[in-house]
Protein backbone atom coordinates (compact mmCIF):
# COMPACT_ATOMS: atom_id res chain seq x y z
CA MET A 1 8.08 7.42 -13.60
CA PRO A 2 5.57 6.88 -16.60
CA ALA A 3 2.75 9.73 -16.98
CA ALA A 4 0.35 6.21 -17.38
CA PRO A 5 0.14 2.86 -17.62
CA ILE A 6 1.66 0.69 -20.76
CA VAL A 7 -0.99 -1.27 -21.87
CA PRO A 8 -0.31 -3.25 -24.68
CA ASP A 9 -3.72 -4.28 -27.35
CA ASP A 10 -4.19 -7.69 -26.01
CA LEU A 11 -4.44 -6.32 -22.04
CA ARG A 12 -6.40 -3.96 -23.84
CA THR A 13 -9.08 -6.25 -24.63
CA LYS A 14 -8.84 -7.97 -21.47
CA LEU A 15 -9.46 -5.31 -19.76
CA LEU A 16 -12.32 -4.49 -21.89
CA ARG A 17 -14.02 -7.98 -20.84
CA VAL A 18 -13.90 -6.53 -17.19
CA ARG A 19 -16.85 -6.04 -15.19
CA ALA A 20 -15.70 -6.25 -11.64
CA LEU A 21 -12.59 -5.18 -9.55
CA VAL A 22 -11.10 -7.03 -6.59
CA LEU A 23 -9.47 -5.12 -4.67
CA ASP A 24 -7.21 -5.74 -1.39
CA VAL A 25 -7.20 -3.10 1.13
CA ASP A 26 -3.80 -2.45 3.00
CA GLY A 27 -1.34 -1.47 0.46
CA VAL A 28 -3.92 -0.95 -2.31
CA LEU A 29 -6.67 1.33 -0.78
CA THR A 30 -4.39 2.78 2.25
CA ASP A 31 -0.57 3.15 1.68
CA GLY A 32 -0.29 -0.07 4.31
CA THR A 33 0.49 2.07 7.34
CA LEU A 34 -1.31 0.86 10.42
CA THR A 35 -1.59 3.38 13.18
CA PHE A 36 -3.26 3.16 16.39
CA ASP A 37 -4.57 5.61 18.87
CA GLU A 38 -3.42 5.03 22.63
CA ASP A 39 -6.42 3.29 23.31
CA GLY A 40 -5.68 0.73 20.32
CA ARG A 41 -8.09 1.71 18.18
CA GLU A 42 -6.69 1.47 14.60
CA LEU A 43 -6.66 4.38 12.19
CA LYS A 44 -6.52 4.23 8.24
CA SER A 45 -6.26 7.18 5.46
CA PHE A 46 -8.39 6.35 2.14
CA ASP A 47 -7.62 8.57 -0.78
CA VAL A 48 -10.76 10.26 -1.49
CA LYS A 49 -10.31 10.37 -5.81
CA ASP A 50 -9.80 6.43 -5.35
CA GLY A 51 -13.05 6.50 -3.81
CA LEU A 52 -14.73 9.07 -6.16
CA GLY A 53 -13.21 6.50 -9.24
CA LEU A 54 -14.71 3.73 -7.29
CA VAL A 55 -18.10 5.41 -7.59
CA LEU A 56 -18.05 6.34 -11.34
CA LEU A 57 -17.38 2.87 -11.95
CA ARG A 58 -19.83 1.49 -9.62
CA ASP A 59 -22.38 3.59 -11.14
CA LEU A 60 -21.81 2.37 -14.92
CA GLY A 61 -22.39 -1.35 -13.51
CA TYR A 62 -19.24 -2.57 -12.20
CA ARG A 63 -18.80 -4.61 -9.30
CA ILE A 64 -16.68 -3.55 -6.51
CA GLY A 65 -15.07 -6.58 -3.98
CA LEU A 66 -12.27 -5.77 -1.41
CA ILE A 67 -10.58 -8.98 0.01
CA SER A 68 -8.30 -8.55 3.51
CA SER A 69 -6.71 -10.75 5.44
CA ARG A 70 -7.02 -8.18 8.81
CA VAL A 71 -10.47 -7.47 10.23
CA SER A 72 -10.77 -3.62 10.30
CA LYS A 73 -14.46 -1.61 11.46
CA VAL A 74 -12.34 1.66 9.81
CA VAL A 75 -12.73 -0.50 6.38
CA ALA A 76 -16.17 -1.60 6.87
CA LEU A 77 -17.14 1.83 7.53
CA ARG A 78 -15.21 3.08 4.59
CA CYS A 79 -17.25 0.77 2.12
CA ARG A 80 -20.10 2.08 3.72
CA ASP A 81 -19.77 5.54 2.56
CA LEU A 82 -19.07 4.04 -0.55
CA LYS A 83 -22.28 2.29 -0.45
CA ILE A 84 -19.96 -0.94 -1.38
CA PRO A 85 -22.83 -3.82 -0.20
CA GLU A 86 -21.29 -5.31 3.26
CA GLU A 87 -21.56 -8.40 1.23
CA CYS A 88 -18.90 -7.65 -1.38
CA VAL A 89 -16.45 -6.69 1.45
CA MET A 90 -14.45 -9.98 2.78
CA GLN A 91 -12.42 -9.42 5.70
CA GLY A 92 -10.54 -11.76 7.72
CA GLU A 93 -10.00 -13.71 4.67
CA LEU A 94 -6.55 -15.63 4.76
CA ASP A 95 -6.71 -18.00 1.32
CA LYS A 96 -7.57 -14.45 -0.77
CA ALA A 97 -7.80 -17.17 -3.99
CA SER A 98 -11.15 -19.03 -2.51
CA ALA A 99 -12.53 -15.47 -1.48
CA PHE A 100 -12.36 -14.54 -4.72
CA ASP A 101 -14.19 -17.30 -6.20
CA ARG A 102 -16.70 -17.28 -3.45
CA LEU A 103 -16.97 -13.26 -4.67
CA LEU A 104 -17.19 -13.86 -8.26
CA GLY A 105 -19.51 -16.70 -7.61
CA LYS A 106 -22.15 -14.29 -5.78
CA TRP A 107 -21.78 -12.26 -8.54
CA GLY A 108 -22.34 -15.08 -11.11
CA PHE A 109 -19.04 -13.76 -13.08
CA GLU A 110 -16.30 -15.91 -14.68
CA ALA A 111 -12.73 -14.98 -13.19
CA PHE A 112 -12.15 -13.56 -16.61
CA GLU A 113 -14.63 -10.81 -15.69
CA ALA A 114 -12.71 -9.15 -13.15
CA VAL A 115 -9.24 -7.37 -12.27
CA ALA A 116 -7.64 -7.87 -8.98
CA VAL A 117 -5.34 -5.37 -7.04
CA GLY A 118 -2.93 -6.73 -4.96
CA ASP A 119 0.57 -5.86 -3.31
CA ASP A 120 2.31 -8.37 -1.56
CA LEU A 121 2.18 -12.17 -0.87
CA PRO A 122 -1.10 -13.03 -0.04
CA ASP A 123 -2.84 -11.23 -2.97
CA LEU A 124 -0.98 -13.49 -5.81
CA GLY A 125 -3.50 -16.14 -5.64
CA MET A 126 -6.10 -13.93 -6.34
CA MET A 127 -4.15 -11.72 -9.04
CA ARG A 128 -3.44 -15.26 -10.79
CA ARG A 129 -6.51 -16.26 -10.97
CA ALA A 130 -8.16 -12.90 -12.25
CA GLY A 131 -8.39 -12.15 -16.21
CA VAL A 132 -6.16 -9.21 -15.24
CA GLY A 133 -4.20 -8.69 -12.06
CA ALA A 134 -2.54 -5.53 -11.21
CA CYS A 135 -0.42 -3.93 -8.65
CA PRO A 136 0.57 -0.03 -7.24
CA SER A 137 3.96 1.09 -8.16
CA ASP A 138 5.24 0.04 -4.14
CA ALA A 139 4.14 -3.56 -4.68
CA VAL A 140 6.62 -6.20 -3.94
CA THR A 141 9.11 -7.45 -6.40
CA ILE A 142 7.09 -10.98 -6.11
CA VAL A 143 4.07 -9.08 -7.28
CA LYS A 144 5.02 -7.19 -10.06
CA ASP A 145 6.43 -9.94 -11.51
CA ALA A 146 2.92 -11.74 -11.43
CA ALA A 147 1.10 -8.67 -12.41
CA ALA A 148 -0.32 -8.36 -15.73
CA LEU A 149 -0.65 -4.36 -15.33
CA HIS A 150 1.97 -2.04 -13.45
CA LEU A 151 0.34 0.94 -12.38
CA THR A 152 1.69 4.09 -11.66
CA LYS A 153 0.85 5.25 -8.54
CA PRO A 154 1.60 3.39 -5.41
CA GLY A 155 -1.13 2.08 -3.35
CA GLY A 156 -3.24 4.58 -1.04
CA GLY A 157 -1.42 7.03 -3.37
CA GLY A 158 -4.18 6.91 -6.90
CA ALA A 159 -2.81 3.59 -7.92
CA VAL A 160 -6.76 2.63 -7.65
CA ARG A 161 -7.99 5.88 -9.35
CA GLU A 162 -5.45 5.44 -12.00
CA LEU A 163 -7.25 2.12 -12.87
CA CYS A 164 -10.59 3.00 -12.27
CA ASP A 165 -9.75 5.86 -14.84
CA LEU A 166 -7.67 3.61 -17.40
CA ILE A 167 -10.97 1.25 -17.64
CA LEU A 168 -13.23 4.03 -18.50
CA GLU A 169 -10.98 5.19 -21.32
CA ILE A 170 -10.46 1.79 -22.73
CA ARG A 171 -14.41 1.12 -22.66
CA ARG A 172 -15.38 5.26 -23.29
CA GLY A 173 -12.81 5.99 -25.26
CA ALA A 174 -12.56 8.96 -22.97
CA ARG A 175 -10.62 9.52 -19.59
CA ALA A 176 -13.01 10.91 -16.51
CA ASP A 177 -11.81 13.95 -16.46
CA LYS A 178 -12.04 14.12 -20.70
CA PRO A 179 -15.92 13.70 -21.36
CA GLN A 180 -16.89 12.68 -24.62
CA GLU A 181 -18.05 15.71 -26.22
CA VAL A 182 -22.00 16.15 -26.35
CA LYS A 183 -23.21 16.38 -29.87
CA PRO A 184 -26.10 18.97 -30.74
CA PRO A 185 -29.69 17.49 -31.71
CA GLN A 186 -29.44 16.83 -35.53
CA ALA A 187 -32.19 18.20 -37.61
CA SER A 188 -34.53 15.27 -39.43
CA SER A 189 -35.19 15.08 -43.14
CA ASP A 190 -38.29 17.10 -42.66
CA GLY A 191 -36.01 19.84 -40.94
CA SER A 192 -37.42 19.55 -37.38
CA VAL A 193 -35.35 19.50 -35.20
CA VAL A 194 -34.34 16.22 -32.78
CA PRO A 195 -34.25 16.69 -28.96
CA PHE A 196 -32.14 15.29 -26.61
CA PRO A 197 -33.21 12.02 -25.22
CA GLY A 198 -35.80 12.94 -22.21
CA SER A 199 -36.10 16.39 -23.24
CA ARG A 200 -39.93 17.47 -22.61
CA GLY A 201 -39.59 19.24 -26.10
């Protein structure tokens, strides 16, 4: 298994244009397992690293949206925890391509400005509409065939974080875990030191 996705130059160019991530839930943000307790309440497990990756992008101004064909209170709670606006969490959507279009319309974005991540047949429509269609390593074969970007991690096991880090790397030239070096202030022509932005001197 490769240590990182193989990203040709033309795909890097497309990822540079991306301003939004649209994600399926089961099989992308989770491992796709459906667990119920004895009272019929649904349980899901989310990767905390995936969550941090989404927060890093959100704080840089990227839009984050979720589209799921199922409806789950657990998903709503997780999105609230990540501060993803409720109107960007679209559940019970059987036509994900249409939901994708509506979501981009809310943001005023074009399709090429979004990457859509899916793992199974219902996700194909939004993946084909997006500027970049991506899938986790354990996606079904037909989705892998349709995806431009194959992540090396499985759904619920770091695939979303891998995508977030890749976008950060392409955008800023450094991975989230290897931030760019902060250069010291330079001396001006008269010999005085220029302070860091925001410093009180």
